[in-house]
Amino acid sequence: MVRKYYGCVQRIVDELKETFGYIIPIENDNDSEGIVMSYLFSESNSEKMNQLICHLLDMDDEEITDCVWKYCPTNAKNYAFNEKLAAFAEKRRVVFEDRLKCRGNIYNRTQDIPFDKGVITPLNDSHRQPLSNAIQEEAKKIKNLRDKLELEAFLGGIESGNRQQGKEPSFAIISDQDGLVGHIKLTKGGYFSLRSSGEKTYNLEYYIMPQHRHKGYAKTALKAFMGALQNHQIIVYQMDPLFCYGVEEVVLPIKMTNALILTDNIPSIKTIESIGEFEKLGTIKWVDDDNVEEAFCYTRIFD
């Protein structure tokens, strides 16, 4: 059976066969791009592998170069083609930094999401300090240790670097009238990740600065944000796990988002229920420092 692959993988297979008579052995009908490339990088004759890969890089086909870069093993630093990959890395770094200067947040590529009081925009460095200051000031006034720790955990998410946003995108809520008023973020982990595969499940969290509460910002911004999730508008920059440079822009792979709200947090409960997007599943309980805590579980499944 003659096997066909999509895009550059088929070009790689054809080129190596035609030029060198080199056949990449394929065993299964569902062999992926990664498996095909792993055959090439597992070539026992390093001199032969250098020759093949240098030839692919000399083709000056950016898609093929991207594929070689993506699957190049970390122990390939002594190979002859490493110099060529280094040149490619430098070119990519320049592009990466240019984009960073233009945008302020290279990893969260979502376009501004309008809502009736302003816009929701990817969080960047100019938003972090005002949000951090607001949370720290509020934490100083809180006597309840549980609420203080919850705020401090949220603060840690805001102060994390831009790079994390490729996995857990964060957004600033900007009001037409009041400027920066709050923050929305999608996070991984926690209770819900234990109850599902976790791969396409995100937790929804938000924060409104104290001086801007009770103005309807949370309700209207969250409703618009949920609409953006439903319409696949959240775009992130996928990261190369080996070299930490961007690979491609992709739609955030989200199937379900959840909100876990303490049963005594009446304002947040009213907000979540008022936007009409979530199903209330029930409650969970746990023990924290000998205190029994209880929270409502809300979920939203996307098409």
Foldseek 3Di string as FASTA:
>chain_A
DDAADDDVLRVLQVVCCVPPVDHQDDDDNPDDLLNSVVSLQVPPPLVVSLVSVVVQLVVVDVVSLLSCLLNPDPVCCPGPCNVVNVVVVVVLVVVQVVVCVVQQFQFWPFDWQDWPFGTKAWDHPVLLPVVLVLLVVVLVPDPPPVVSVVSVVVNVVSPDDSLCCNPKTKIFQQGPPPGTFWIKIWAFDDDVVVVDVRQQETEIDMDGRPVPPPPCSLQRHVLRVVVCLQVLRGKGFDARVPPGGTSGIDRRRHFKYKYKAWPPPVVVVCSVVVSPAWDWDAKDWDADPNDITMTIMIMHGHD
